[in-house]
Amino acid sequence: MFRIIQSITSKHAEPFKLWLAQVGYERVQEIENPELAQNRVKEYYELKGYPQEWIEKRLRGIAIRQELTDEWKNREIIEERDFAILTNEISKATFGKTVQEYK
């Protein structure tokens, strides 16, 4: 996408080119340092007005979910269907509802 936009010669495209380059650079930095991505998500939630306690719970939940799915991958759970089944069982045991019922 960046290459296509680069080929546009209009001066009106220049701010978009700079923005896209900046976003790309930031995402590469986040790959090298995942804490930067976590900080970006936290700032996003703050801008949306979520309470600090909710943000901390949400970030903790994301981290726990990542650890859990990493463990499942280590145990050779690779099919999306299997992840869905395991997630559904956790939801039923924790909240008494399936994922669909919760939605």
PDB file of N, CA and C in Angstrom:
ATOM      1  N   MET A   1       0.817  -1.175   0.000  1.00  0.00           N
ATOM      2  CA  MET A   1       0.000   0.000   0.000  1.00  0.00           C
ATOM      3  C   MET A   1       0.874   1.256   0.000  1.00  0.00           C
ATOM      4  N   PHE A   2       1.939   1.210   0.793  1.00  0.00           N
ATOM      5  CA  PHE A   2       2.833   2.364   0.865  1.00  0.00           C
ATOM      6  C   PHE A   2       3.444   2.642  -0.503  1.00  0.00           C
ATOM      7  N   ARG A   3       3.835   1.609  -1.223  1.00  0.00           N
ATOM      8  CA  ARG A   3       4.439   1.780  -2.554  1.00  0.00           C
ATOM      9  C   ARG A   3       3.458   2.427  -3.527  1.00  0.00           C
ATOM     10  N   ILE A   4       2.207   2.036  -3.458  1.00  0.00           N
ATOM     11  CA  ILE A   4       1.192   2.628  -4.338  1.00  0.00           C
ATOM     12  C   ILE A   4       1.038   4.114  -4.015  1.00  0.00           C
ATOM     13  N   ILE A   5       0.957   4.430  -2.740  1.00  0.00           N
ATOM     14  CA  ILE A   5       0.788   5.822  -2.335  1.00  0.00           C
ATOM     15  C   ILE A   5       2.033   6.637  -2.675  1.00  0.00           C
ATOM     16  N   GLN A   6       3.207   5.999  -2.574  1.00  0.00           N
ATOM     17  CA  GLN A   6       4.440   6.694  -2.942  1.00  0.00           C
ATOM     18  C   GLN A   6       4.421   7.125  -4.399  1.00  0.00           C
ATOM     19  N   SER A   7       3.769   6.359  -5.244  1.00  0.00           N
ATOM     20  CA  SER A   7       3.771   6.664  -6.672  1.00  0.00           C
ATOM     21  C   SER A   7       2.851   7.836  -7.028  1.00  0.00           C
ATOM     22  N   ILE A   8       2.020   8.278  -6.094  1.00  0.00           N
ATOM     23  CA  ILE A   8       1.136   9.420  -6.336  1.00  0.00           C
ATOM     24  C   ILE A   8       1.968  10.692  -6.250  1.00  0.00           C
ATOM     25  N   THR A   9       1.916  11.505  -7.303  1.00  0.00           N
ATOM     26  CA  THR A   9       2.771  12.688  -7.356  1.00  0.00           C
ATOM     27  C   THR A   9       2.124  13.947  -6.803  1.00  0.00           C
ATOM     28  N   SER A  10       0.904  13.871  -6.357  1.00  0.00           N
ATOM     29  CA  SER A  10       0.191  15.038  -5.831  1.00  0.00           C
ATOM     30  C   SER A  10       0.793  15.508  -4.512  1.00  0.00           C
ATOM     31  N   LYS A  11       0.858  16.828  -4.347  1.00  0.00           N
ATOM     32  CA  LYS A  11       1.342  17.377  -3.076  1.00  0.00           C
ATOM     33  C   LYS A  11       0.361  17.077  -1.940  1.00  0.00           C
ATOM     34  N   HIS A  12      -0.890  16.812  -2.284  1.00  0.00           N
ATOM     35  CA  HIS A  12      -1.892  16.479  -1.272  1.00  0.00           C
ATOM     36  C   HIS A  12      -1.652  15.092  -0.671  1.00  0.00           C
ATOM     37  N   ALA A  13      -0.916  14.257  -1.369  1.00  0.00           N
ATOM     38  CA  ALA A  13      -0.630  12.909  -0.865  1.00  0.00           C
ATOM     39  C   ALA A  13       0.545  12.912   0.107  1.00  0.00           C
ATOM     40  N   GLU A  14       1.338  13.968   0.109  1.00  0.00           N
ATOM     41  CA  GLU A  14       2.554  14.008   0.924  1.00  0.00           C
ATOM     42  C   GLU A  14       2.281  13.842   2.422  1.00  0.00           C
ATOM     43  N   PRO A  15       1.318  14.543   3.019  1.00  0.00           N
ATOM     44  CA  PRO A  15       1.074  14.322   4.450  1.00  0.00           C
ATOM     45  C   PRO A  15       0.676  12.879   4.758  1.00  0.00           C
ATOM     46  N   PHE A  16      -0.103  12.269   3.869  1.00  0.00           N
ATOM     47  CA  PHE A  16      -0.497  10.887   4.077  1.00  0.00           C
ATOM     48  C   PHE A  16       0.710   9.961   3.975  1.00  0.00           C
ATOM     49  N   LYS A  17       1.614  10.241   3.033  1.00  0.00           N
ATOM     50  CA  LYS A  17       2.839   9.439   2.895  1.00  0.00           C
ATOM     51  C   LYS A  17       3.665   9.515   4.179  1.00  0.00           C
ATOM     52  N   LEU A  18       3.813  10.718   4.720  1.00  0.00           N
ATOM     53  CA  LEU A  18       4.595  10.889   5.947  1.00  0.00           C
ATOM     54  C   LEU A  18       3.949  10.168   7.124  1.00  0.00           C
ATOM     55  N   TRP A  19       2.615  10.289   7.223  1.00  0.00           N
ATOM     56  CA  TRP A  19       1.896   9.616   8.300  1.00  0.00           C
ATOM     57  C   TRP A  19       2.058   8.101   8.191  1.00  0.00           C
ATOM     58  N   LEU A  20       1.888   7.573   6.977  1.00  0.00           N
ATOM     59  CA  LEU A  20       1.992   6.132   6.769  1.00  0.00           C
ATOM     60  C   LEU A  20       3.399   5.624   7.083  1.00  0.00           C
ATOM     61  N   ALA A  21       4.405   6.383   6.709  1.00  0.00           N
ATOM     62  CA  ALA A  21       5.790   6.013   7.022  1.00  0.00           C
ATOM     63  C   ALA A  21       6.015   6.003   8.531  1.00  0.00           C
ATOM     64  N   GLN A  22       5.463   7.003   9.220  1.00  0.00           N
ATOM     65  CA  GLN A  22       5.607   7.082  10.677  1.00  0.00           C
ATOM     66  C   GLN A  22       4.934   5.898  11.369  1.00  0.00           C
ATOM     67  N   VAL A  23       3.723   5.575  10.941  1.00  0.00           N
ATOM     68  CA  VAL A  23       2.996   4.443  11.532  1.00  0.00           C
ATOM     69  C   VAL A  23       3.760   3.143  11.279  1.00  0.00           C
ATOM     70  N   GLY A  24       4.263   2.975  10.078  1.00  0.00           N
ATOM     71  CA  GLY A  24       5.047   1.779   9.758  1.00  0.00           C
ATOM     72  C   GLY A  24       6.277   1.665  10.636  1.00  0.00           C
ATOM     73  N   TYR A  25       6.976   2.778  10.807  1.00  0.00           N
ATOM     74  CA  TYR A  25       8.164   2.798  11.660  1.00  0.00           C
ATOM     75  C   TYR A  25       7.805   2.417  13.096  1.00  0.00           C
ATOM     76  N   GLU A  26       6.690   2.997  13.609  1.00  0.00           N
ATOM     77  CA  GLU A  26       6.268   2.693  14.977  1.00  0.00           C
ATOM     78  C   GLU A  26       5.931   1.217  15.149  1.00  0.00           C
ATOM     79  N   ARG A  27       5.271   0.628  14.171  1.00  0.00           N
ATOM     80  CA  ARG A  27       4.904  -0.794  14.287  1.00  0.00           C
ATOM     81  C   ARG A  27       6.147  -1.688  14.262  1.00  0.00           C
ATOM     82  N   VAL A  28       7.146  -1.328  13.461  1.00  0.00           N
ATOM     83  CA  VAL A  28       8.403  -2.092  13.449  1.00  0.00           C
ATOM     84  C   VAL A  28       9.069  -1.984  14.818  1.00  0.00           C
ATOM     85  N   GLN A  29       9.047  -0.787  15.404  1.00  0.00           N
ATOM     86  CA  GLN A  29       9.612  -0.608  16.743  1.00  0.00           C
ATOM     87  C   GLN A  29       8.876  -1.471  17.765  1.00  0.00           C
ATOM     88  N   GLU A  30       7.547  -1.572  17.619  1.00  0.00           N
ATOM     89  CA  GLU A  30       6.749  -2.381  18.545  1.00  0.00           C
ATOM     90  C   GLU A  30       7.057  -3.865  18.408  1.00  0.00           C
ATOM     91  N   ILE A  31       7.401  -4.300  17.214  1.00  0.00           N
ATOM     92  CA  ILE A  31       7.796  -5.697  17.021  1.00  0.00           C
ATOM     93  C   ILE A  31       9.085  -5.969  17.790  1.00  0.00           C
ATOM     94  N   GLU A  32      10.007  -5.017  17.742  1.00  0.00           N
ATOM     95  CA  GLU A  32      11.274  -5.162  18.446  1.00  0.00           C
ATOM     96  C   GLU A  32      11.114  -5.000  19.955  1.00  0.00           C
ATOM     97  N   ASN A  33      10.140  -4.187  20.377  1.00  0.00           N
ATOM     98  CA  ASN A  33       9.915  -3.936  21.795  1.00  0.00           C
ATOM     99  C   ASN A  33       8.411  -3.951  22.067  1.00  0.00           C
ATOM    100  N   PRO A  34       7.836  -5.112  22.395  1.00  0.00           N
ATOM    101  CA  PRO A  34       6.388  -5.235  22.592  1.00  0.00           C
ATOM    102  C   PRO A  34       5.814  -4.315  23.669  1.00  0.00           C
ATOM    103  N   GLU A  35       6.621  -3.854  24.590  1.00  0.00           N
ATOM    104  CA  GLU A  35       6.132  -2.941  25.622  1.00  0.00           C
ATOM    105  C   GLU A  35       5.607  -1.639  25.000  1.00  0.00           C
ATOM    106  N   LEU A  36       6.195  -1.233  23.874  1.00  0.00           N
ATOM    107  CA  LEU A  36       5.718  -0.034  23.184  1.00  0.00           C
ATOM    108  C   LEU A  36       4.283  -0.219  22.696  1.00  0.00           C
ATOM    109  N   ALA A  37       3.975  -1.416  22.203  1.00  0.00           N
ATOM    110  CA  ALA A  37       2.614  -1.705  21.744  1.00  0.00           C
ATOM    111  C   ALA A  37       1.644  -1.674  22.920  1.00  0.00           C
ATOM    112  N   GLN A  38       2.060  -2.214  24.035  1.00  0.00           N
ATOM    113  CA  GLN A  38       1.208  -2.209  25.226  1.00  0.00           C
ATOM    114  C   GLN A  38       0.940  -0.773  25.678  1.00  0.00           C
ATOM    115  N   ASN A  39       1.962   0.071  25.627  1.00  0.00           N
ATOM    116  CA  ASN A  39       1.783   1.472  26.006  1.00  0.00           C
ATOM    117  C   ASN A  39       0.832   2.184  25.049  1.00  0.00           C
ATOM    118  N   ARG A  40       0.908   1.853  23.759  1.00  0.00           N
ATOM    119  CA  ARG A  40       0.014   2.462  22.772  1.00  0.00           C
ATOM    120  C   ARG A  40      -1.433   2.081  23.065  1.00  0.00           C
ATOM    121  N   VAL A  41      -1.658   0.800  23.378  1.00  0.00           N
ATOM    122  CA  VAL A  41      -3.013   0.337  23.690  1.00  0.00           C
ATOM    123  C   VAL A  41      -3.530   1.044  24.951  1.00  0.00           C
ATOM    124  N   LYS A  42      -2.670   1.162  25.945  1.00  0.00           N
ATOM    125  CA  LYS A  42      -3.059   1.825  27.190  1.00  0.00           C
ATOM    126  C   LYS A  42      -3.458   3.282  26.919  1.00  0.00           C
ATOM    127  N   GLU A  43      -2.667   3.992  26.129  1.00  0.00           N
ATOM    128  CA  GLU A  43      -2.987   5.384  25.781  1.00  0.00           C
ATOM    129  C   GLU A  43      -4.310   5.470  25.022  1.00  0.00           C
ATOM    130  N   TYR A  44      -4.538   4.508  24.149  1.00  0.00           N
ATOM    131  CA  TYR A  44      -5.780   4.478  23.371  1.00  0.00           C
ATOM    132  C   TYR A  44      -6.987   4.355  24.302  1.00  0.00           C
ATOM    133  N   TYR A  45      -6.914   3.432  25.258  1.00  0.00           N
ATOM    134  CA  TYR A  45      -8.014   3.258  26.202  1.00  0.00           C
ATOM    135  C   TYR A  45      -8.206   4.511  27.069  1.00  0.00           C
ATOM    136  N   GLU A  46      -7.103   5.148  27.457  1.00  0.00           N
ATOM    137  CA  GLU A  46      -7.202   6.374  28.246  1.00  0.00           C
ATOM    138  C   GLU A  46      -7.896   7.478  27.455  1.00  0.00           C
ATOM    139  N   LEU A  47      -7.539   7.603  26.175  1.00  0.00           N
ATOM    140  CA  LEU A  47      -8.174   8.611  25.321  1.00  0.00           C
ATOM    141  C   LEU A  47      -9.666   8.353  25.151  1.00  0.00           C
ATOM    142  N   LYS A  48     -10.049   7.082  25.174  1.00  0.00           N
ATOM    143  CA  LYS A  48     -11.464   6.732  25.052  1.00  0.00           C
ATOM    144  C   LYS A  48     -12.220   6.925  26.367  1.00  0.00           C
ATOM    145  N   GLY A  49     -11.483   7.241  27.443  1.00  0.00           N
ATOM    146  CA  GLY A  49     -12.120   7.564  28.710  1.00  0.00           C
ATOM    147  C   GLY A  49     -12.353   6.392  29.649  1.00  0.00           C
ATOM    148  N   TYR A  50     -11.723   5.260  29.392  1.00  0.00           N
ATOM    149  CA  TYR A  50     -11.890   4.123  30.295  1.00  0.00           C
ATOM    150  C   TYR A  50     -11.180   4.392  31.618  1.00  0.00           C
ATOM    151  N   PRO A  51     -11.749   3.914  32.740  1.00  0.00           N
ATOM    152  CA  PRO A  51     -11.095   4.094  34.040  1.00  0.00           C
ATOM    153  C   PRO A  51      -9.772   3.314  34.107  1.00  0.00           C
ATOM    154  N   GLN A  52      -8.851   3.841  34.895  1.00  0.00           N
ATOM    155  CA  GLN A  52      -7.521   3.225  35.011  1.00  0.00           C
ATOM    156  C   GLN A  52      -7.606   1.775  35.483  1.00  0.00           C
ATOM    157  N   GLU A  53      -8.497   1.500  36.430  1.00  0.00           N
ATOM    158  CA  GLU A  53      -8.654   0.134  36.946  1.00  0.00           C
ATOM    159  C   GLU A  53      -9.088  -0.816  35.828  1.00  0.00           C
ATOM    160  N   TRP A  54     -10.027  -0.366  34.978  1.00  0.00           N
ATOM    161  CA  TRP A  54     -10.500  -1.189  33.862  1.00  0.00           C
ATOM    162  C   TRP A  54      -9.361  -1.452  32.880  1.00  0.00           C
ATOM    163  N   ILE A  55      -8.558  -0.423  32.603  1.00  0.00           N
ATOM    164  CA  ILE A  55      -7.438  -0.560  31.659  1.00  0.00           C
ATOM    165  C   ILE A  55      -6.449  -1.596  32.169  1.00  0.00           C
ATOM    166  N   GLU A  56      -6.115  -1.509  33.459  1.00  0.00           N
ATOM    167  CA  GLU A  56      -5.161  -2.463  34.029  1.00  0.00           C
ATOM    168  C   GLU A  56      -5.702  -3.890  33.952  1.00  0.00           C
ATOM    169  N   LYS A  57      -6.979  -4.074  34.265  1.00  0.00           N
ATOM    170  CA  LYS A  57      -7.592  -5.409  34.175  1.00  0.00           C
ATOM    171  C   LYS A  57      -7.550  -5.913  32.736  1.00  0.00           C
ATOM    172  N   ARG A  58      -7.876  -5.032  31.803  1.00  0.00           N
ATOM    173  CA  ARG A  58      -7.903  -5.415  30.391  1.00  0.00           C
ATOM    174  C   ARG A  58      -6.517  -5.837  29.914  1.00  0.00           C
ATOM    175  N   LEU A  59      -5.499  -5.069  30.254  1.00  0.00           N
ATOM    176  CA  LEU A  59      -4.138  -5.403  29.836  1.00  0.00           C
ATOM    177  C   LEU A  59      -3.664  -6.696  30.488  1.00  0.00           C
ATOM    178  N   ARG A  60      -4.026  -6.884  31.766  1.00  0.00           N
ATOM    179  CA  ARG A  60      -3.680  -8.137  32.455  1.00  0.00           C
ATOM    180  C   ARG A  60      -4.376  -9.313  31.778  1.00  0.00           C
ATOM    181  N   GLY A  61      -5.647  -9.118  31.425  1.00  0.00           N
ATOM    182  CA  GLY A  61      -6.399 -10.173  30.746  1.00  0.00           C
ATOM    183  C   GLY A  61      -5.790 -10.548  29.405  1.00  0.00           C
ATOM    184  N   ILE A  62      -5.342  -9.539  28.670  1.00  0.00           N
ATOM    185  CA  ILE A  62      -4.692  -9.794  27.376  1.00  0.00           C
ATOM    186  C   ILE A  62      -3.413 -10.600  27.580  1.00  0.00           C
ATOM    187  N   ALA A  63      -2.615 -10.212  28.573  1.00  0.00           N
ATOM    188  CA  ALA A  63      -1.356 -10.920  28.848  1.00  0.00           C
ATOM    189  C   ALA A  63      -1.616 -12.366  29.273  1.00  0.00           C
ATOM    190  N   ILE A  64      -2.591 -12.565  30.115  1.00  0.00           N
ATOM    191  CA  ILE A  64      -2.922 -13.925  30.572  1.00  0.00           C
ATOM    192  C   ILE A  64      -3.405 -14.770  29.408  1.00  0.00           C
ATOM    193  N   ARG A  65      -4.262 -14.189  28.570  1.00  0.00           N
ATOM    194  CA  ARG A  65      -4.771 -14.912  27.393  1.00  0.00           C
ATOM    195  C   ARG A  65      -3.605 -15.310  26.482  1.00  0.00           C
ATOM    196  N   GLN A  66      -2.633 -14.408  26.310  1.00  0.00           N
ATOM    197  CA  GLN A  66      -1.474 -14.711  25.462  1.00  0.00           C
ATOM    198  C   GLN A  66      -0.658 -15.866  26.048  1.00  0.00           C
ATOM    199  N   GLU A  67      -0.449 -15.847  27.363  1.00  0.00           N
ATOM    200  CA  GLU A  67       0.279 -16.940  28.008  1.00  0.00           C
ATOM    201  C   GLU A  67      -0.457 -18.259  27.818  1.00  0.00           C
ATOM    202  N   LEU A  68      -1.766 -18.214  27.967  1.00  0.00           N
ATOM    203  CA  LEU A  68      -2.579 -19.422  27.820  1.00  0.00           C
ATOM    204  C   LEU A  68      -2.497 -19.964  26.392  1.00  0.00           C
ATOM    205  N   THR A  69      -2.669 -19.108  25.404  1.00  0.00           N
ATOM    206  CA  THR A  69      -2.615 -19.595  24.017  1.00  0.00           C
ATOM    207  C   THR A  69      -1.209 -20.057  23.651  1.00  0.00           C
ATOM    208  N   ASP A  70      -0.178 -19.428  24.227  1.00  0.00           N
ATOM    209  CA  ASP A  70       1.191 -19.909  24.009  1.00  0.00           C
ATOM    210  C   ASP A  70       1.351 -21.324  24.561  1.00  0.00           C
ATOM    211  N   GLU A  71       0.775 -21.563  25.740  1.00  0.00           N
ATOM    212  CA  GLU A  71       0.840 -22.903  26.339  1.00  0.00           C
ATOM    213  C   GLU A  71       0.115 -23.914  25.464  1.00  0.00           C
ATOM    214  N   TRP A  72      -1.042 -23.526  24.941  1.00  0.00           N
ATOM    215  CA  TRP A  72      -1.779 -24.433  24.053  1.00  0.00           C
ATOM    216  C   TRP A  72      -0.955 -24.751  22.811  1.00  0.00           C
ATOM    217  N   LYS A  73      -0.283 -23.745  22.270  1.00  0.00           N
ATOM    218  CA  LYS A  73       0.568 -23.975  21.090  1.00  0.00           C
ATOM    219  C   LYS A  73       1.714 -24.920  21.437  1.00  0.00           C
ATOM    220  N   ASN A  74       2.286 -24.745  22.635  1.00  0.00           N
ATOM    221  CA  ASN A  74       3.373 -25.637  23.071  1.00  0.00           C
ATOM    222  C   ASN A  74       2.896 -27.081  23.176  1.00  0.00           C
ATOM    223  N   ARG A  75       1.613 -27.250  23.441  1.00  0.00           N
ATOM    224  CA  ARG A  75       1.025 -28.588  23.541  1.00  0.00           C
ATOM    225  C   ARG A  75       0.410 -29.041  22.218  1.00  0.00           C
ATOM    226  N   GLU A  76       0.817 -28.321  21.154  1.00  0.00           N
ATOM    227  CA  GLU A  76       0.473 -28.666  19.767  1.00  0.00           C
ATOM    228  C   GLU A  76      -1.012 -28.512  19.443  1.00  0.00           C
ATOM    229  N   ILE A  77      -1.664 -27.571  20.109  1.00  0.00           N
ATOM    230  CA  ILE A  77      -3.025 -27.181  19.720  1.00  0.00           C
ATOM    231  C   ILE A  77      -2.835 -26.117  18.644  1.00  0.00           C
ATOM    232  N   ILE A  78      -3.177 -26.437  17.408  1.00  0.00           N
ATOM    233  CA  ILE A  78      -2.897 -25.494  16.326  1.00  0.00           C
ATOM    234  C   ILE A  78      -4.137 -25.113  15.517  1.00  0.00           C
ATOM    235  N   GLU A  79      -5.184 -25.889  15.611  1.00  0.00           N
ATOM    236  CA  GLU A  79      -6.386 -25.604  14.833  1.00  0.00           C
ATOM    237  C   GLU A  79      -7.222 -24.526  15.518  1.00  0.00           C
ATOM    238  N   GLU A  80      -7.738 -23.584  14.731  1.00  0.00           N
ATOM    239  CA  GLU A  80      -8.596 -22.530  15.290  1.00  0.00           C
ATOM    240  C   GLU A  80      -9.793 -23.132  16.017  1.00  0.00           C
ATOM    241  N   ARG A  81     -10.319 -24.206  15.462  1.00  0.00           N
ATOM    242  CA  ARG A  81     -11.475 -24.871  16.062  1.00  0.00           C
ATOM    243  C   ARG A  81     -11.150 -25.344  17.475  1.00  0.00           C
ATOM    244  N   ASP A  82      -9.953 -25.889  17.662  1.00  0.00           N
ATOM    245  CA  ASP A  82      -9.542 -26.355  18.992  1.00  0.00           C
ATOM    246  C   ASP A  82      -9.403 -25.191  19.979  1.00  0.00           C
ATOM    247  N   PHE A  83      -8.844 -24.071  19.511  1.00  0.00           N
ATOM    248  CA  PHE A  83      -8.744 -22.880  20.357  1.00  0.00           C
ATOM    249  C   PHE A  83     -10.137 -22.419  20.763  1.00  0.00           C
ATOM    250  N   ALA A  84     -11.077 -22.444  19.817  1.00  0.00           N
ATOM    251  CA  ALA A  84     -12.449 -22.018  20.094  1.00  0.00           C
ATOM    252  C   ALA A  84     -13.102 -22.921  21.133  1.00  0.00           C
ATOM    253  N   ILE A  85     -12.891 -24.223  21.016  1.00  0.00           N
ATOM    254  CA  ILE A  85     -13.470 -25.174  21.973  1.00  0.00           C
ATOM    255  C   ILE A  85     -12.911 -24.929  23.375  1.00  0.00           C
ATOM    256  N   LEU A  86     -11.591 -24.773  23.465  1.00  0.00           N
ATOM    257  CA  LEU A  86     -10.969 -24.544  24.774  1.00  0.00           C
ATOM    258  C   LEU A  86     -11.433 -23.212  25.380  1.00  0.00           C
ATOM    259  N   THR A  87     -11.514 -22.184  24.565  1.00  0.00           N
ATOM    260  CA  THR A  87     -11.977 -20.882  25.045  1.00  0.00           C
ATOM    261  C   THR A  87     -13.414 -20.980  25.541  1.00  0.00           C
ATOM    262  N   ASN A  88     -14.227 -21.694  24.808  1.00  0.00           N
ATOM    263  CA  ASN A  88     -15.628 -21.856  25.188  1.00  0.00           C
ATOM    264  C   ASN A  88     -15.754 -22.591  26.527  1.00  0.00           C
ATOM    265  N   GLU A  89     -14.951 -23.606  26.725  1.00  0.00           N
ATOM    266  CA  GLU A  89     -14.987 -24.357  27.990  1.00  0.00           C
ATOM    267  C   GLU A  89     -14.559 -23.488  29.166  1.00  0.00           C
ATOM    268  N   ILE A  90     -13.547 -22.663  28.957  1.00  0.00           N
ATOM    269  CA  ILE A  90     -13.104 -21.751  30.017  1.00  0.00           C
ATOM    270  C   ILE A  90     -14.215 -20.754  30.335  1.00  0.00           C
ATOM    271  N   SER A  91     -14.846 -20.234  29.302  1.00  0.00           N
ATOM    272  CA  SER A  91     -15.943 -19.273  29.491  1.00  0.00           C
ATOM    273  C   SER A  91     -17.094 -19.897  30.276  1.00  0.00           C
ATOM    274  N   LYS A  92     -17.462 -21.124  29.923  1.00  0.00           N
ATOM    275  CA  LYS A  92     -18.554 -21.804  30.633  1.00  0.00           C
ATOM    276  C   LYS A  92     -18.196 -22.028  32.096  1.00  0.00           C
ATOM    277  N   ALA A  93     -16.952 -22.453  32.352  1.00  0.00           N
ATOM    278  CA  ALA A  93     -16.536 -22.734  33.723  1.00  0.00           C
ATOM    279  C   ALA A  93     -16.406 -21.454  34.547  1.00  0.00           C
ATOM    280  N   THR A  94     -15.979 -20.382  33.923  1.00  0.00           N
ATOM    281  CA  THR A  94     -15.743 -19.132  34.642  1.00  0.00           C
ATOM    282  C   THR A  94     -17.006 -18.312  34.824  1.00  0.00           C
ATOM    283  N   PHE A  95     -17.770 -18.161  33.741  1.00  0.00           N
ATOM    284  CA  PHE A  95     -18.917 -17.249  33.753  1.00  0.00           C
ATOM    285  C   PHE A  95     -20.265 -17.948  33.688  1.00  0.00           C
ATOM    286  N   GLY A  96     -20.242 -19.262  33.485  1.00  0.00           N
ATOM    287  CA  GLY A  96     -21.495 -19.995  33.377  1.00  0.00           C
ATOM    288  C   GLY A  96     -22.194 -19.789  32.043  1.00  0.00           C
ATOM    289  N   LYS A  97     -21.490 -19.201  31.090  1.00  0.00           N
ATOM    290  CA  LYS A  97     -22.055 -18.953  29.768  1.00  0.00           C
ATOM    291  C   LYS A  97     -21.020 -19.307  28.699  1.00  0.00           C
ATOM    292  N   THR A  98     -21.527 -19.748  27.563  1.00  0.00           N
ATOM    293  CA  THR A  98     -20.631 -19.963  26.425  1.00  0.00           C
ATOM    294  C   THR A  98     -20.260 -18.599  25.850  1.00  0.00           C
ATOM    295  N   VAL A  99     -19.292 -18.577  24.978  1.00  0.00           N
ATOM    296  CA  VAL A  99     -18.904 -17.327  24.332  1.00  0.00           C
ATOM    297  C   VAL A  99     -20.079 -16.711  23.589  1.00  0.00           C
ATOM    298  N   GLN A 100     -20.843 -17.513  22.886  1.00  0.00           N
ATOM    299  CA  GLN A 100     -21.995 -17.008  22.146  1.00  0.00           C
ATOM    300  C   GLN A 100     -23.051 -16.443  23.087  1.00  0.00           C
ATOM    301  N   GLU A 101     -23.297 -17.109  24.187  1.00  0.00           N
ATOM    302  CA  GLU A 101     -24.283 -16.609  25.155  1.00  0.00           C
ATOM    303  C   GLU A 101     -23.814 -15.284  25.765  1.00  0.00           C
ATOM    304  N   TYR A 102     -22.513 -15.179  25.986  1.00  0.00           N
ATOM    305  CA  TYR A 102     -21.949 -13.950  26.562  1.00  0.00           C
ATOM    306  C   TYR A 102     -22.109 -12.779  25.599  1.00  0.00           C
ATOM    307  N   LYS A 103     -21.875 -13.053  24.306  1.00  0.00           N
ATOM    308  CA  LYS A 103     -21.999 -11.989  23.301  1.00  0.00           C
ATOM    309  C   LYS A 103     -23.422 -11.509  23.232  1.00  0.00           C
TER     310      LYS A 103
END
